Amino acid sequence: MIGLKRGKVQLKQYNPKWEELFKQESMLISSAISNFLLDIQHVGSTAIPKIVAKPIIDMAGAINSVENIDKIIVPMYGIGYTYRGEQGIPGRHLFVKGDEDRRTHHFHVMQTDHHEWKDQILFRDFMREHPQEAKQYSEFKQKLFIQYGNDRGKYTDSKTDFIQTMLEKAKKKYQNYSL
């Protein structure tokens, strides 16, 4: 049901079981790092009903201070996660679960004042509330899959403009949106 080889793209139709998998995983993570964790949110396409998604559960975690990242690496390792660093986004740290042939979860850790925290949740909420835009996003992702199915980097990079456009729409609509 979930899992994808690193670097590859595969899209699956939305599965309502993804929400349950998120809940189970968030409880596991919370039990491991509760002293540092403020919130966990299900983000990414598996959190948006009726659209296609890579079968990897994406989660955003709010930590009390990024200075505590070193303190959560060992407990996260204990529940099957590998620390991958900031991955080019200062202040946002990535943990992954699963081996190179079957990556199942991405856990993005940051503080609540980080722009990625706000943007990931805002994008998810906007897509959930605007099914027409979500449908456009799903169709766009399918076209990108045809073009870049064997190059996850290009597939991901090619979504950036669409996502930014939707975020701009969302920010205009929810001018007083706060997390």
C-alpha atoms as a PDB file:
ATOM      1  CA  MET A   1       0.000   0.000   0.000  1.00  0.00           C
ATOM      2  CA  ILE A   2       2.884   2.389   0.712  1.00  0.00           C
ATOM      3  CA  GLY A   3       6.551   2.418  -0.178  1.00  0.00           C
ATOM      4  CA  LEU A   4       8.608   3.550  -3.126  1.00  0.00           C
ATOM      5  CA  LYS A   5      12.132   3.019  -4.360  1.00  0.00           C
ATOM      6  CA  ARG A   6      14.297   6.046  -3.705  1.00  0.00           C
ATOM      7  CA  GLY A   7      14.602   8.323  -6.734  1.00  0.00           C
ATOM      8  CA  LYS A   8      11.652   6.793  -8.600  1.00  0.00           C
ATOM      9  CA  VAL A   9       8.183   8.175  -9.184  1.00  0.00           C
ATOM     10  CA  GLN A  10       5.028   6.141  -8.895  1.00  0.00           C
ATOM     11  CA  LEU A  11       1.569   7.589  -8.460  1.00  0.00           C
ATOM     12  CA  LYS A  12      -1.351   5.849  -6.817  1.00  0.00           C
ATOM     13  CA  GLN A  13      -4.969   6.861  -6.445  1.00  0.00           C
ATOM     14  CA  TYR A  14      -5.845   8.319  -3.051  1.00  0.00           C
ATOM     15  CA  ASN A  15      -6.352   5.684  -0.377  1.00  0.00           C
ATOM     16  CA  PRO A  16      -8.264   6.632   2.798  1.00  0.00           C
ATOM     17  CA  LYS A  17      -6.078   4.146   4.717  1.00  0.00           C
ATOM     18  CA  TRP A  18      -3.200   6.618   4.346  1.00  0.00           C
ATOM     19  CA  GLU A  19      -4.790   8.763   7.057  1.00  0.00           C
ATOM     20  CA  GLU A  20      -4.831   5.806   9.455  1.00  0.00           C
ATOM     21  CA  LEU A  21      -1.195   5.020   8.610  1.00  0.00           C
ATOM     22  CA  PHE A  22      -0.334   8.636   9.385  1.00  0.00           C
ATOM     23  CA  LYS A  23      -2.122   8.446  12.753  1.00  0.00           C
ATOM     24  CA  GLN A  24      -0.304   5.242  13.693  1.00  0.00           C
ATOM     25  CA  GLU A  25       3.070   6.659  12.698  1.00  0.00           C
ATOM     26  CA  SER A  26       2.488   9.980  14.440  1.00  0.00           C
ATOM     27  CA  MET A  27       1.714   8.116  17.681  1.00  0.00           C
ATOM     28  CA  LEU A  28       4.945   6.135  17.311  1.00  0.00           C
ATOM     29  CA  ILE A  29       6.963   9.289  16.694  1.00  0.00           C
ATOM     30  CA  SER A  30       5.261  11.111  19.561  1.00  0.00           C
ATOM     31  CA  SER A  31       6.127   8.288  21.938  1.00  0.00           C
ATOM     32  CA  ALA A  32       9.786   8.477  20.888  1.00  0.00           C
ATOM     33  CA  ILE A  33      10.370  12.243  21.006  1.00  0.00           C
ATOM     34  CA  SER A  34       7.497  13.682  23.051  1.00  0.00           C
ATOM     35  CA  ASN A  35       9.828  15.905  25.124  1.00  0.00           C
ATOM     36  CA  PHE A  36      10.722  17.916  22.011  1.00  0.00           C
ATOM     37  CA  LEU A  37       7.675  17.626  19.763  1.00  0.00           C
ATOM     38  CA  LEU A  38       4.940  20.273  19.646  1.00  0.00           C
ATOM     39  CA  ASP A  39       2.812  18.970  16.753  1.00  0.00           C
ATOM     40  CA  ILE A  40       2.721  16.498  13.864  1.00  0.00           C
ATOM     41  CA  GLN A  41       0.719  17.151  10.693  1.00  0.00           C
ATOM     42  CA  HIS A  42      -0.046  14.875   7.753  1.00  0.00           C
ATOM     43  CA  VAL A  43       1.105  16.832   4.692  1.00  0.00           C
ATOM     44  CA  GLY A  44       1.822  16.163   1.041  1.00  0.00           C
ATOM     45  CA  SER A  45      -0.437  14.496  -1.474  1.00  0.00           C
ATOM     46  CA  THR A  46      -1.315  11.477   0.680  1.00  0.00           C
ATOM     47  CA  ALA A  47      -3.100  13.995   2.937  1.00  0.00           C
ATOM     48  CA  ILE A  48      -5.309  15.354   0.126  1.00  0.00           C
ATOM     49  CA  PRO A  49      -8.365  13.228  -0.741  1.00  0.00           C
ATOM     50  CA  LYS A  50      -9.114  12.270  -4.347  1.00  0.00           C
ATOM     51  CA  ILE A  51      -5.714  13.095  -5.864  1.00  0.00           C
ATOM     52  CA  VAL A  52      -2.888  10.847  -6.971  1.00  0.00           C
ATOM     53  CA  ALA A  53       0.155  10.614  -4.729  1.00  0.00           C
ATOM     54  CA  LYS A  54       3.516   8.970  -4.397  1.00  0.00           C
ATOM     55  CA  PRO A  55       2.863   6.186  -1.867  1.00  0.00           C
ATOM     56  CA  ILE A  56       5.021   7.765   0.847  1.00  0.00           C
ATOM     57  CA  ILE A  57       3.447   9.271   3.963  1.00  0.00           C
ATOM     58  CA  ASP A  58       4.774  12.824   4.387  1.00  0.00           C
ATOM     59  CA  MET A  59       4.631  14.355   7.844  1.00  0.00           C
ATOM     60  CA  ALA A  60       5.646  17.744   9.194  1.00  0.00           C
ATOM     61  CA  GLY A  61       6.802  17.842  12.778  1.00  0.00           C
ATOM     62  CA  ALA A  62       7.070  20.975  14.879  1.00  0.00           C
ATOM     63  CA  ILE A  63       9.905  20.804  17.369  1.00  0.00           C
ATOM     64  CA  ASN A  64      10.394  23.146  20.324  1.00  0.00           C
ATOM     65  CA  SER A  65      13.841  24.196  19.058  1.00  0.00           C
ATOM     66  CA  VAL A  66      15.970  23.104  16.105  1.00  0.00           C
ATOM     67  CA  GLU A  67      18.850  23.144  18.559  1.00  0.00           C
ATOM     68  CA  ASN A  68      17.348  19.870  19.842  1.00  0.00           C
ATOM     69  CA  ILE A  69      17.728  18.036  16.518  1.00  0.00           C
ATOM     70  CA  ASP A  70      20.779  16.178  17.822  1.00  0.00           C
ATOM     71  CA  LYS A  71      18.693  14.955  20.769  1.00  0.00           C
ATOM     72  CA  ILE A  72      16.053  13.300  18.582  1.00  0.00           C
ATOM     73  CA  ILE A  73      18.323  11.485  16.093  1.00  0.00           C
ATOM     74  CA  VAL A  74      18.919   8.422  18.311  1.00  0.00           C
ATOM     75  CA  PRO A  75      15.275   8.009  19.411  1.00  0.00           C
ATOM     76  CA  MET A  76      14.142   8.391  15.784  1.00  0.00           C
ATOM     77  CA  TYR A  77      16.713   5.801  14.721  1.00  0.00           C
ATOM     78  CA  GLY A  78      15.243   3.498  17.369  1.00  0.00           C
ATOM     79  CA  ILE A  79      11.868   3.545  15.601  1.00  0.00           C
ATOM     80  CA  GLY A  80      13.337   2.989  12.136  1.00  0.00           C
ATOM     81  CA  TYR A  81      14.184   6.489  10.876  1.00  0.00           C
ATOM     82  CA  THR A  82      17.405   7.708   9.303  1.00  0.00           C
ATOM     83  CA  TYR A  83      18.463  11.323   9.645  1.00  0.00           C
ATOM     84  CA  ARG A  84      19.187  12.988   6.276  1.00  0.00           C
ATOM     85  CA  GLY A  85      20.021  16.548   7.374  1.00  0.00           C
ATOM     86  CA  GLU A  86      18.578  19.764   6.040  1.00  0.00           C
ATOM     87  CA  GLN A  87      18.519  18.643   2.398  1.00  0.00           C
ATOM     88  CA  GLY A  88      19.045  22.169   1.096  1.00  0.00           C
ATOM     89  CA  ILE A  89      16.405  23.875   3.257  1.00  0.00           C
ATOM     90  CA  PRO A  90      18.050  25.520   6.286  1.00  0.00           C
ATOM     91  CA  GLY A  91      16.120  24.955   9.488  1.00  0.00           C
ATOM     92  CA  ARG A  92      14.118  22.011   8.132  1.00  0.00           C
ATOM     93  CA  HIS A  93      15.485  18.557   8.921  1.00  0.00           C
ATOM     94  CA  LEU A  94      14.492  15.337   7.162  1.00  0.00           C
ATOM     95  CA  PHE A  95      14.107  11.870   8.630  1.00  0.00           C
ATOM     96  CA  VAL A  96      13.203   8.951   6.355  1.00  0.00           C
ATOM     97  CA  LYS A  97      11.832   5.498   7.100  1.00  0.00           C
ATOM     98  CA  GLY A  98      12.402   2.476   4.945  1.00  0.00           C
ATOM     99  CA  ASP A  99      15.366   1.320   2.927  1.00  0.00           C
ATOM    100  CA  GLU A 100      16.424   2.536  -0.521  1.00  0.00           C
ATOM    101  CA  ASP A 101      14.097   0.033  -2.229  1.00  0.00           C
ATOM    102  CA  ARG A 102      10.992   0.846  -0.181  1.00  0.00           C
ATOM    103  CA  ARG A 103      10.892   4.281   1.421  1.00  0.00           C
ATOM    104  CA  THR A 104       7.606   4.550   3.332  1.00  0.00           C
ATOM    105  CA  HIS A 105       7.701   7.784   5.380  1.00  0.00           C
ATOM    106  CA  HIS A 106       9.240  11.247   5.252  1.00  0.00           C
ATOM    107  CA  PHE A 107       9.272  13.251   8.480  1.00  0.00           C
ATOM    108  CA  HIS A 108      10.171  16.933   8.016  1.00  0.00           C
ATOM    109  CA  VAL A 109      11.128  18.535  11.342  1.00  0.00           C
ATOM    110  CA  MET A 110      11.235  22.295  11.933  1.00  0.00           C
ATOM    111  CA  GLN A 111       9.994  25.024  14.245  1.00  0.00           C
ATOM    112  CA  THR A 112       6.475  26.398  13.809  1.00  0.00           C
ATOM    113  CA  ASP A 113       7.825  29.748  12.634  1.00  0.00           C
ATOM    114  CA  HIS A 114       9.601  28.129   9.663  1.00  0.00           C
ATOM    115  CA  HIS A 115       8.050  29.039   6.300  1.00  0.00           C
ATOM    116  CA  GLU A 116       7.947  25.344   5.282  1.00  0.00           C
ATOM    117  CA  TRP A 117       5.748  24.500   8.293  1.00  0.00           C
ATOM    118  CA  LYS A 118       3.251  27.153   7.360  1.00  0.00           C
ATOM    119  CA  ASP A 119       3.376  26.520   3.610  1.00  0.00           C
ATOM    120  CA  GLN A 120       2.949  22.741   3.829  1.00  0.00           C
ATOM    121  CA  ILE A 121      -0.123  23.034   6.028  1.00  0.00           C
ATOM    122  CA  LEU A 122      -1.585  25.944   4.064  1.00  0.00           C
ATOM    123  CA  PHE A 123      -1.157  24.086   0.754  1.00  0.00           C
ATOM    124  CA  ARG A 124      -2.778  20.951   2.169  1.00  0.00           C
ATOM    125  CA  ASP A 125      -5.706  22.871   3.633  1.00  0.00           C
ATOM    126  CA  PHE A 126      -6.249  24.883   0.450  1.00  0.00           C
ATOM    127  CA  MET A 127      -6.254  21.728  -1.706  1.00  0.00           C
ATOM    128  CA  ARG A 128      -8.687  20.014   0.658  1.00  0.00           C
ATOM    129  CA  GLU A 129     -11.071  22.966   0.500  1.00  0.00           C
ATOM    130  CA  HIS A 130     -10.778  23.533  -3.269  1.00  0.00           C
ATOM    131  CA  PRO A 131     -11.428  20.270  -5.122  1.00  0.00           C
ATOM    132  CA  GLN A 132     -11.119  21.882  -8.568  1.00  0.00           C
ATOM    133  CA  GLU A 133      -7.558  23.046  -7.847  1.00  0.00           C
ATOM    134  CA  ALA A 134      -6.789  19.666  -6.284  1.00  0.00           C
ATOM    135  CA  LYS A 135      -8.019  17.974  -9.462  1.00  0.00           C
ATOM    136  CA  GLN A 136      -5.784  20.256 -11.563  1.00  0.00           C
ATOM    137  CA  TYR A 137      -2.841  19.372  -9.339  1.00  0.00           C
ATOM    138  CA  SER A 138      -3.559  15.665  -9.686  1.00  0.00           C
ATOM    139  CA  GLU A 139      -3.774  15.894 -13.484  1.00  0.00           C
ATOM    140  CA  PHE A 140      -0.600  17.986 -13.622  1.00  0.00           C
ATOM    141  CA  LYS A 141       1.259  15.410 -11.517  1.00  0.00           C
ATOM    142  CA  GLN A 142       0.154  12.637 -13.881  1.00  0.00           C
ATOM    143  CA  LYS A 143       1.557  14.564 -16.872  1.00  0.00           C
ATOM    144  CA  LEU A 144       4.836  15.086 -15.028  1.00  0.00           C
ATOM    145  CA  PHE A 145       4.960  11.387 -14.199  1.00  0.00           C
ATOM    146  CA  ILE A 146       4.766  10.532 -17.905  1.00  0.00           C
ATOM    147  CA  GLN A 147       7.601  12.949 -18.581  1.00  0.00           C
ATOM    148  CA  TYR A 148       9.829  12.312 -15.529  1.00  0.00           C
ATOM    149  CA  GLY A 149       8.816   8.916 -14.150  1.00  0.00           C
ATOM    150  CA  ASN A 150      12.416   7.820 -13.736  1.00  0.00           C
ATOM    151  CA  ASP A 151      13.763  11.104 -12.385  1.00  0.00           C
ATOM    152  CA  ARG A 152      12.234  12.073  -9.067  1.00  0.00           C
ATOM    153  CA  GLY A 153      14.344  15.233  -8.821  1.00  0.00           C
ATOM    154  CA  LYS A 154      12.981  16.636 -12.089  1.00  0.00           C
ATOM    155  CA  TYR A 155       9.467  15.486 -11.218  1.00  0.00           C
ATOM    156  CA  THR A 156       9.611  17.264  -7.854  1.00  0.00           C
ATOM    157  CA  ASP A 157      11.261  20.419  -9.229  1.00  0.00           C
ATOM    158  CA  SER A 158       8.655  20.652 -11.999  1.00  0.00           C
ATOM    159  CA  LYS A 159       5.851  20.916  -9.443  1.00  0.00           C
ATOM    160  CA  THR A 160       7.338  24.015  -7.789  1.00  0.00           C
ATOM    161  CA  ASP A 161       5.666  26.695  -9.929  1.00  0.00           C
ATOM    162  CA  PHE A 162       2.224  25.104  -9.598  1.00  0.00           C
ATOM    163  CA  ILE A 163       2.600  24.776  -5.832  1.00  0.00           C
ATOM    164  CA  GLN A 164       3.795  28.384  -5.502  1.00  0.00           C
ATOM    165  CA  THR A 165       0.819  29.617  -7.558  1.00  0.00           C
ATOM    166  CA  MET A 166      -1.588  27.717  -5.305  1.00  0.00           C
ATOM    167  CA  LEU A 167       0.154  29.046  -2.189  1.00  0.00           C
ATOM    168  CA  GLU A 168      -0.217  32.604  -3.476  1.00  0.00           C
ATOM    169  CA  LYS A 169      -3.944  31.991  -4.064  1.00  0.00           C
ATOM    170  CA  ALA A 170      -4.258  30.493  -0.597  1.00  0.00           C
ATOM    171  CA  LYS A 171      -2.446  33.382   1.076  1.00  0.00           C
ATOM    172  CA  LYS A 172      -4.741  35.886  -0.637  1.00  0.00           C
ATOM    173  CA  LYS A 173      -7.826  33.940   0.382  1.00  0.00           C
ATOM    174  CA  TYR A 174      -6.694  33.382   3.958  1.00  0.00           C
ATOM    175  CA  GLN A 175      -4.993  36.700   4.692  1.00  0.00           C
ATOM    176  CA  ASN A 176      -5.436  36.141   8.402  1.00  0.00           C
ATOM    177  CA  TYR A 177      -4.400  32.469   8.260  1.00  0.00           C
ATOM    178  CA  SER A 178      -2.227  31.576  11.221  1.00  0.00           C
ATOM    179  CA  LEU A 179      -0.882  28.333  12.532  1.00  0.00           C
END
